[in-house]
Amino acid sequence: MAGGEALPFGVLVFVVGILLVANAWAVVDAKMAVTSAAREATRAYVESPVDADPMARAEAAAREAVRAAGRDPSRVTVRALDSGFTRCAEVRFEVRYPVPALTIPLIGGYGRGFTAIARHAEIVDPYRSGVPRGERRCDAGPSNA
């Protein structure tokens, strides 16, 4: 029977193709998770009660967002790029999550691959009570002069 050796090759190409799609999806899924985590960390920081630790709340919110996305929160790295708990201060957070080089569905990931990174920024509410005034003026913008 001629051409019988093509069948195992076709199956191999199919399996490799499925693994490539699974790996691509793992990277996209991790990127969505860290984007959500960066947004939630920043939001938790700027909306933190005056008597609470805003950095601890931000990190907890990021880890909870990663956990809600079905990822391991112990692998996430949360870093404040700009943080000042004063009115009109710009707060920026960066969240990183490592993605394995090879992801096999239902089994897990192997190897060192990519790192999904997301950043988010927000401004602390200028009319918030109990928050000290910062160096930045809230009404700073383009002048009409």
N, C-alpha and C. Protein backbone atom coordinates (compact mmCIF):
# COMPACT_ATOMS: atom_id res chain seq x y z
N MET A 1 0.85 -1.17 0.00
CA MET A 1 0.00 0.00 0.00
C MET A 1 0.90 1.24 0.00
N ALA A 2 0.82 1.99 -1.04
CA ALA A 2 1.65 3.18 -1.17
C ALA A 2 1.00 4.35 -0.44
N GLY A 3 1.81 5.17 0.23
CA GLY A 3 1.32 6.36 0.92
C GLY A 3 0.85 6.12 2.34
N GLY A 4 0.97 4.92 2.86
CA GLY A 4 0.55 4.61 4.22
C GLY A 4 1.39 5.33 5.27
N GLU A 5 2.61 5.70 4.92
CA GLU A 5 3.48 6.40 5.87
C GLU A 5 3.05 7.85 6.06
N ALA A 6 2.19 8.36 5.20
CA ALA A 6 1.73 9.75 5.32
C ALA A 6 0.75 9.92 6.47
N LEU A 7 0.04 8.87 6.82
CA LEU A 7 -0.94 8.97 7.90
C LEU A 7 -0.30 9.31 9.25
N PRO A 8 0.76 8.60 9.68
CA PRO A 8 1.40 9.01 10.95
C PRO A 8 1.98 10.43 10.88
N PHE A 9 2.50 10.82 9.73
CA PHE A 9 3.03 12.18 9.59
C PHE A 9 1.91 13.21 9.72
N GLY A 10 0.75 12.91 9.14
CA GLY A 10 -0.39 13.82 9.24
C GLY A 10 -0.87 13.96 10.68
N VAL A 11 -0.88 12.85 11.41
CA VAL A 11 -1.28 12.88 12.82
C VAL A 11 -0.28 13.71 13.63
N LEU A 12 1.01 13.53 13.34
CA LEU A 12 2.05 14.29 14.03
C LEU A 12 1.89 15.79 13.77
N VAL A 13 1.64 16.17 12.53
CA VAL A 13 1.44 17.58 12.20
C VAL A 13 0.20 18.13 12.92
N PHE A 14 -0.85 17.32 12.98
CA PHE A 14 -2.06 17.74 13.68
C PHE A 14 -1.81 17.97 15.17
N VAL A 15 -1.09 17.05 15.82
CA VAL A 15 -0.81 17.17 17.25
C VAL A 15 0.07 18.39 17.52
N VAL A 16 1.09 18.60 16.69
CA VAL A 16 1.96 19.77 16.86
C VAL A 16 1.15 21.05 16.65
N GLY A 17 0.27 21.06 15.70
CA GLY A 17 -0.58 22.23 15.47
C GLY A 17 -1.47 22.54 16.66
N ILE A 18 -2.05 21.50 17.25
CA ILE A 18 -2.89 21.69 18.44
C ILE A 18 -2.07 22.25 19.60
N LEU A 19 -0.84 21.74 19.78
CA LEU A 19 0.02 22.25 20.85
C LEU A 19 0.38 23.72 20.62
N LEU A 20 0.63 24.11 19.37
CA LEU A 20 0.93 25.52 19.08
C LEU A 20 -0.26 26.41 19.40
N VAL A 21 -1.45 25.97 19.05
CA VAL A 21 -2.65 26.75 19.36
C VAL A 21 -2.85 26.85 20.87
N ALA A 22 -2.63 25.76 21.58
CA ALA A 22 -2.77 25.78 23.05
C ALA A 22 -1.76 26.74 23.68
N ASN A 23 -0.53 26.76 23.17
CA ASN A 23 0.48 27.67 23.70
C ASN A 23 0.13 29.12 23.40
N ALA A 24 -0.35 29.39 22.19
CA ALA A 24 -0.74 30.75 21.84
C ALA A 24 -1.89 31.21 22.73
N TRP A 25 -2.84 30.33 22.98
CA TRP A 25 -3.96 30.69 23.85
C TRP A 25 -3.49 30.93 25.28
N ALA A 26 -2.52 30.17 25.76
CA ALA A 26 -2.00 30.36 27.12
C ALA A 26 -1.40 31.76 27.27
N VAL A 27 -0.71 32.23 26.25
CA VAL A 27 -0.12 33.58 26.30
C VAL A 27 -1.21 34.64 26.29
N VAL A 28 -2.21 34.48 25.42
CA VAL A 28 -3.31 35.44 25.36
C VAL A 28 -4.09 35.46 26.68
N ASP A 29 -4.34 34.29 27.23
CA ASP A 29 -5.07 34.18 28.49
C ASP A 29 -4.29 34.84 29.63
N ALA A 30 -2.99 34.63 29.67
CA ALA A 30 -2.16 35.25 30.71
C ALA A 30 -2.15 36.77 30.55
N LYS A 31 -2.11 37.25 29.32
CA LYS A 31 -2.12 38.70 29.08
C LYS A 31 -3.44 39.31 29.57
N MET A 32 -4.55 38.64 29.32
CA MET A 32 -5.84 39.14 29.81
C MET A 32 -5.87 39.14 31.34
N ALA A 33 -5.29 38.12 31.96
CA ALA A 33 -5.28 38.03 33.42
C ALA A 33 -4.45 39.16 34.03
N VAL A 34 -3.26 39.44 33.48
CA VAL A 34 -2.42 40.49 34.06
C VAL A 34 -2.97 41.87 33.77
N THR A 35 -3.66 42.04 32.65
CA THR A 35 -4.30 43.33 32.37
C THR A 35 -5.38 43.61 33.41
N SER A 36 -6.17 42.62 33.71
CA SER A 36 -7.20 42.77 34.75
C SER A 36 -6.56 43.00 36.12
N ALA A 37 -5.49 42.28 36.41
CA ALA A 37 -4.82 42.42 37.71
C ALA A 37 -4.21 43.81 37.87
N ALA A 38 -3.60 44.35 36.82
CA ALA A 38 -3.01 45.69 36.91
C ALA A 38 -4.09 46.74 37.13
N ARG A 39 -5.20 46.60 36.43
CA ARG A 39 -6.31 47.54 36.60
C ARG A 39 -6.87 47.46 38.02
N GLU A 40 -7.07 46.26 38.52
CA GLU A 40 -7.63 46.10 39.88
C GLU A 40 -6.66 46.58 40.96
N ALA A 41 -5.37 46.35 40.76
CA ALA A 41 -4.37 46.83 41.73
C ALA A 41 -4.38 48.35 41.80
N THR A 42 -4.41 48.98 40.64
CA THR A 42 -4.41 50.45 40.61
C THR A 42 -5.69 51.00 41.22
N ARG A 43 -6.79 50.41 40.87
CA ARG A 43 -8.08 50.88 41.40
C ARG A 43 -8.15 50.69 42.91
N ALA A 44 -7.68 49.55 43.41
CA ALA A 44 -7.70 49.32 44.86
C ALA A 44 -6.81 50.32 45.58
N TYR A 45 -5.70 50.69 44.96
CA TYR A 45 -4.78 51.66 45.58
C TYR A 45 -5.45 53.03 45.68
N VAL A 46 -5.99 53.53 44.57
CA VAL A 46 -6.54 54.89 44.59
C VAL A 46 -7.84 54.99 45.38
N GLU A 47 -8.56 53.88 45.54
CA GLU A 47 -9.81 53.90 46.30
C GLU A 47 -9.64 53.38 47.72
N SER A 48 -8.43 53.17 48.15
CA SER A 48 -8.15 52.64 49.47
C SER A 48 -8.61 53.61 50.56
N PRO A 49 -9.16 53.09 51.65
CA PRO A 49 -9.51 53.97 52.77
C PRO A 49 -8.26 54.67 53.31
N VAL A 50 -8.45 55.83 53.87
CA VAL A 50 -7.34 56.65 54.34
C VAL A 50 -6.53 55.93 55.42
N ASP A 51 -7.18 55.17 56.28
CA ASP A 51 -6.48 54.52 57.39
C ASP A 51 -5.94 53.13 57.04
N ALA A 52 -6.06 52.71 55.79
CA ALA A 52 -5.59 51.38 55.37
C ALA A 52 -4.25 51.51 54.64
N ASP A 53 -3.60 50.39 54.43
CA ASP A 53 -2.35 50.35 53.67
C ASP A 53 -2.70 50.16 52.19
N PRO A 54 -2.58 51.20 51.36
CA PRO A 54 -3.01 51.07 49.97
C PRO A 54 -2.17 50.07 49.17
N MET A 55 -0.91 49.92 49.49
CA MET A 55 -0.06 48.98 48.75
C MET A 55 -0.49 47.53 49.02
N ALA A 56 -0.81 47.22 50.26
CA ALA A 56 -1.27 45.86 50.59
C ALA A 56 -2.60 45.57 49.92
N ARG A 57 -3.48 46.56 49.89
CA ARG A 57 -4.77 46.38 49.22
C ARG A 57 -4.60 46.19 47.72
N ALA A 58 -3.66 46.91 47.13
CA ALA A 58 -3.40 46.78 45.70
C ALA A 58 -2.88 45.39 45.35
N GLU A 59 -1.94 44.92 46.13
CA GLU A 59 -1.38 43.59 45.87
C GLU A 59 -2.43 42.50 46.06
N ALA A 60 -3.24 42.63 47.10
CA ALA A 60 -4.30 41.64 47.33
C ALA A 60 -5.31 41.64 46.18
N ALA A 61 -5.64 42.82 45.68
CA ALA A 61 -6.60 42.91 44.57
C ALA A 61 -6.02 42.29 43.30
N ALA A 62 -4.73 42.51 43.05
CA ALA A 62 -4.10 41.92 41.86
C ALA A 62 -4.07 40.40 41.97
N ARG A 63 -3.71 39.90 43.12
CA ARG A 63 -3.66 38.44 43.30
C ARG A 63 -5.06 37.81 43.19
N GLU A 64 -6.06 38.50 43.69
CA GLU A 64 -7.42 37.99 43.58
C GLU A 64 -7.88 37.98 42.11
N ALA A 65 -7.52 39.00 41.35
CA ALA A 65 -7.89 39.04 39.92
C ALA A 65 -7.22 37.91 39.16
N VAL A 66 -5.96 37.61 39.48
CA VAL A 66 -5.26 36.51 38.83
C VAL A 66 -5.89 35.17 39.22
N ARG A 67 -6.24 35.03 40.50
CA ARG A 67 -6.89 33.80 40.94
C ARG A 67 -8.25 33.62 40.27
N ALA A 68 -9.00 34.71 40.12
CA ALA A 68 -10.30 34.64 39.46
C ALA A 68 -10.18 34.27 37.99
N ALA A 69 -9.04 34.56 37.39
CA ALA A 69 -8.80 34.19 35.99
C ALA A 69 -8.32 32.75 35.85
N GLY A 70 -8.23 32.04 36.97
CA GLY A 70 -7.83 30.65 36.93
C GLY A 70 -6.34 30.43 36.92
N ARG A 71 -5.59 31.43 37.33
CA ARG A 71 -4.13 31.34 37.37
C ARG A 71 -3.66 31.24 38.82
N ASP A 72 -2.39 30.89 38.99
CA ASP A 72 -1.79 30.74 40.31
C ASP A 72 -1.35 32.11 40.84
N PRO A 73 -2.00 32.65 41.88
CA PRO A 73 -1.65 33.98 42.37
C PRO A 73 -0.26 34.06 43.00
N SER A 74 0.32 32.93 43.37
CA SER A 74 1.66 32.98 43.97
C SER A 74 2.75 33.26 42.92
N ARG A 75 2.42 33.13 41.65
CA ARG A 75 3.40 33.36 40.58
C ARG A 75 3.38 34.78 40.04
N VAL A 76 2.43 35.59 40.50
CA VAL A 76 2.29 36.94 39.97
C VAL A 76 3.25 37.89 40.71
N THR A 77 3.76 38.88 39.98
CA THR A 77 4.61 39.92 40.55
C THR A 77 3.91 41.27 40.36
N VAL A 78 3.68 41.97 41.46
CA VAL A 78 3.01 43.27 41.43
C VAL A 78 4.02 44.32 41.84
N ARG A 79 4.13 45.37 41.02
CA ARG A 79 5.11 46.43 41.31
C ARG A 79 4.48 47.79 41.06
N ALA A 80 4.65 48.69 42.02
CA ALA A 80 4.18 50.07 41.85
C ALA A 80 5.24 50.85 41.10
N LEU A 81 4.87 51.41 39.96
CA LEU A 81 5.81 52.23 39.19
C LEU A 81 5.80 53.66 39.71
N ASP A 82 4.61 54.19 39.91
CA ASP A 82 4.43 55.51 40.52
C ASP A 82 3.33 55.35 41.55
N SER A 83 3.63 55.72 42.77
CA SER A 83 2.58 55.64 43.79
C SER A 83 2.76 56.77 44.77
N GLY A 84 1.71 57.48 44.98
CA GLY A 84 1.68 58.53 45.98
C GLY A 84 0.24 58.67 46.41
N PHE A 85 -0.01 58.48 47.66
CA PHE A 85 -1.38 58.53 48.13
C PHE A 85 -1.72 59.96 48.52
N THR A 86 -1.71 60.84 47.51
CA THR A 86 -2.09 62.23 47.69
C THR A 86 -3.06 62.59 46.57
N ARG A 87 -3.82 63.64 46.78
CA ARG A 87 -4.78 64.07 45.76
C ARG A 87 -4.07 64.35 44.44
N CYS A 88 -4.69 63.93 43.37
CA CYS A 88 -4.24 64.17 42.00
C CYS A 88 -2.93 63.45 41.64
N ALA A 89 -2.43 62.59 42.51
CA ALA A 89 -1.21 61.85 42.20
C ALA A 89 -1.53 60.77 41.17
N GLU A 90 -0.63 60.60 40.20
CA GLU A 90 -0.80 59.52 39.24
C GLU A 90 -0.21 58.25 39.84
N VAL A 91 -1.00 57.20 39.83
CA VAL A 91 -0.59 55.91 40.38
C VAL A 91 -0.52 54.92 39.23
N ARG A 92 0.63 54.25 39.10
CA ARG A 92 0.81 53.27 38.03
C ARG A 92 1.33 51.97 38.62
N PHE A 93 0.74 50.88 38.16
CA PHE A 93 1.16 49.55 38.60
C PHE A 93 1.52 48.70 37.39
N GLU A 94 2.47 47.80 37.62
CA GLU A 94 2.87 46.82 36.62
C GLU A 94 2.68 45.44 37.23
N VAL A 95 2.09 44.54 36.47
CA VAL A 95 1.88 43.17 36.92
C VAL A 95 2.52 42.24 35.90
N ARG A 96 3.26 41.25 36.41
CA ARG A 96 3.94 40.26 35.56
C ARG A 96 3.52 38.85 35.95
N TYR A 97 3.40 38.00 34.93
CA TYR A 97 3.06 36.60 35.17
C TYR A 97 3.83 35.74 34.18
N PRO A 98 4.62 34.78 34.66
CA PRO A 98 5.38 33.92 33.74
C PRO A 98 4.49 32.87 33.07
N VAL A 99 4.71 32.68 31.78
CA VAL A 99 3.97 31.69 31.01
C VAL A 99 4.96 30.62 30.57
N PRO A 100 4.68 29.34 30.81
CA PRO A 100 5.62 28.27 30.43
C PRO A 100 5.81 28.19 28.91
N ALA A 101 6.94 27.63 28.50
CA ALA A 101 7.25 27.51 27.08
C ALA A 101 6.33 26.51 26.39
N LEU A 102 5.95 25.46 27.07
CA LEU A 102 5.09 24.43 26.50
C LEU A 102 3.93 24.20 27.45
N THR A 103 2.72 24.44 26.95
CA THR A 103 1.52 24.22 27.75
C THR A 103 0.74 23.08 27.13
N ILE A 104 0.51 22.04 27.89
CA ILE A 104 -0.26 20.90 27.42
C ILE A 104 -1.58 20.91 28.18
N PRO A 105 -2.70 21.02 27.45
CA PRO A 105 -3.99 21.08 28.13
C PRO A 105 -4.22 19.89 29.06
N LEU A 106 -4.78 20.15 30.19
CA LEU A 106 -5.12 19.18 31.24
C LEU A 106 -3.90 18.59 31.94
N ILE A 107 -2.70 18.90 31.49
CA ILE A 107 -1.49 18.37 32.14
C ILE A 107 -0.72 19.49 32.83
N GLY A 108 -0.53 20.60 32.12
CA GLY A 108 0.20 21.72 32.71
C GLY A 108 1.25 22.26 31.77
N GLY A 109 2.13 23.11 32.32
CA GLY A 109 3.15 23.76 31.52
C GLY A 109 4.54 23.34 31.92
N TYR A 110 5.44 23.42 30.96
CA TYR A 110 6.84 23.04 31.18
C TYR A 110 7.76 24.08 30.56
N GLY A 111 8.89 24.26 31.19
CA GLY A 111 9.92 25.13 30.63
C GLY A 111 9.70 26.60 30.94
N ARG A 112 10.73 27.37 30.65
CA ARG A 112 10.68 28.81 30.86
C ARG A 112 10.35 29.47 29.53
N GLY A 113 9.26 30.19 29.49
CA GLY A 113 8.80 30.75 28.23
C GLY A 113 8.74 32.26 28.23
N PHE A 114 7.55 32.78 28.27
CA PHE A 114 7.29 34.21 28.16
C PHE A 114 6.87 34.79 29.51
N THR A 115 6.89 36.09 29.58
CA THR A 115 6.34 36.79 30.74
C THR A 115 5.29 37.76 30.23
N ALA A 116 4.06 37.57 30.66
CA ALA A 116 2.98 38.49 30.31
C ALA A 116 3.08 39.70 31.24
N ILE A 117 3.07 40.89 30.66
CA ILE A 117 3.23 42.13 31.42
C ILE A 117 2.10 43.08 31.07
N ALA A 118 1.54 43.74 32.10
CA ALA A 118 0.52 44.77 31.88
C ALA A 118 0.76 45.91 32.85
N ARG A 119 0.43 47.11 32.40
CA ARG A 119 0.53 48.32 33.22
C ARG A 119 -0.79 49.07 33.17
N HIS A 120 -1.10 49.75 34.27
CA HIS A 120 -2.32 50.55 34.33
C HIS A 120 -2.06 51.78 35.20
N ALA A 121 -2.69 52.89 34.86
CA ALA A 121 -2.51 54.14 35.62
C ALA A 121 -3.87 54.78 35.90
N GLU A 122 -3.97 55.40 37.06
CA GLU A 122 -5.15 56.17 37.44
C GLU A 122 -4.69 57.35 38.29
N ILE A 123 -5.58 58.31 38.45
CA ILE A 123 -5.33 59.50 39.26
C ILE A 123 -6.12 59.40 40.55
N VAL A 124 -5.49 59.73 41.67
CA VAL A 124 -6.20 59.76 42.95
C VAL A 124 -7.21 60.90 42.90
N ASP A 125 -8.40 60.64 43.35
CA ASP A 125 -9.51 61.59 43.29
C ASP A 125 -9.13 62.94 43.91
N PRO A 126 -9.27 64.04 43.15
CA PRO A 126 -8.90 65.35 43.68
C PRO A 126 -9.84 65.87 44.77
N TYR A 127 -11.05 65.32 44.86
CA TYR A 127 -12.03 65.80 45.83
C TYR A 127 -12.19 64.84 47.00
N ARG A 128 -11.30 63.93 47.13
CA ARG A 128 -11.39 62.91 48.18
C ARG A 128 -11.05 63.53 49.53
N SER A 129 -11.88 63.28 50.53
CA SER A 129 -11.62 63.83 51.86
C SER A 129 -10.65 62.92 52.61
N GLY A 130 -9.84 63.52 53.45
CA GLY A 130 -8.89 62.78 54.27
C GLY A 130 -7.58 62.45 53.59
N VAL A 131 -7.47 62.72 52.31
CA VAL A 131 -6.24 62.43 51.56
C VAL A 131 -5.45 63.74 51.47
N PRO A 132 -4.17 63.72 51.81
CA PRO A 132 -3.40 64.97 51.78
C PRO A 132 -3.21 65.50 50.36
N ARG A 133 -3.01 66.80 50.28
CA ARG A 133 -2.72 67.42 48.98
C ARG A 133 -1.31 67.06 48.56
N GLY A 134 -1.14 66.85 47.29
CA GLY A 134 0.17 66.51 46.76
C GLY A 134 0.85 67.72 46.15
N GLU A 135 2.00 67.50 45.57
CA GLU A 135 2.74 68.58 44.93
C GLU A 135 2.09 68.97 43.61
N ARG A 136 1.45 68.00 42.97
CA ARG A 136 0.84 68.26 41.67
C ARG A 136 -0.48 68.99 41.86
N ARG A 137 -0.70 70.00 41.04
CA ARG A 137 -1.96 70.74 41.09
C ARG A 137 -3.01 69.97 40.32
N CYS A 138 -4.18 69.89 40.88
CA CYS A 138 -5.26 69.14 40.25
C CYS A 138 -5.77 69.81 38.98
N ASP A 139 -5.72 71.11 38.97
CA ASP A 139 -6.24 71.83 37.80
C ASP A 139 -5.14 72.13 36.78
N ALA A 140 -3.99 71.49 36.93
CA ALA A 140 -2.91 71.72 35.97
C ALA A 140 -3.32 71.19 34.61
N GLY A 141 -3.18 71.99 33.63
CA GLY A 141 -3.54 71.63 32.28
C GLY A 141 -3.06 72.71 31.35
N PRO A 142 -3.46 72.64 30.09
CA PRO A 142 -3.01 73.67 29.16
C PRO A 142 -3.62 75.02 29.52
N SER A 143 -2.79 76.03 29.52
CA SER A 143 -3.27 77.37 29.86
C SER A 143 -3.80 78.05 28.60
N ASN A 144 -4.69 79.03 28.80
CA ASN A 144 -5.25 79.78 27.69
C ASN A 144 -4.49 81.05 27.40
N ALA A 145 -3.38 81.25 28.05
CA ALA A 145 -2.62 82.49 27.88
C ALA A 145 -1.81 82.49 26.61
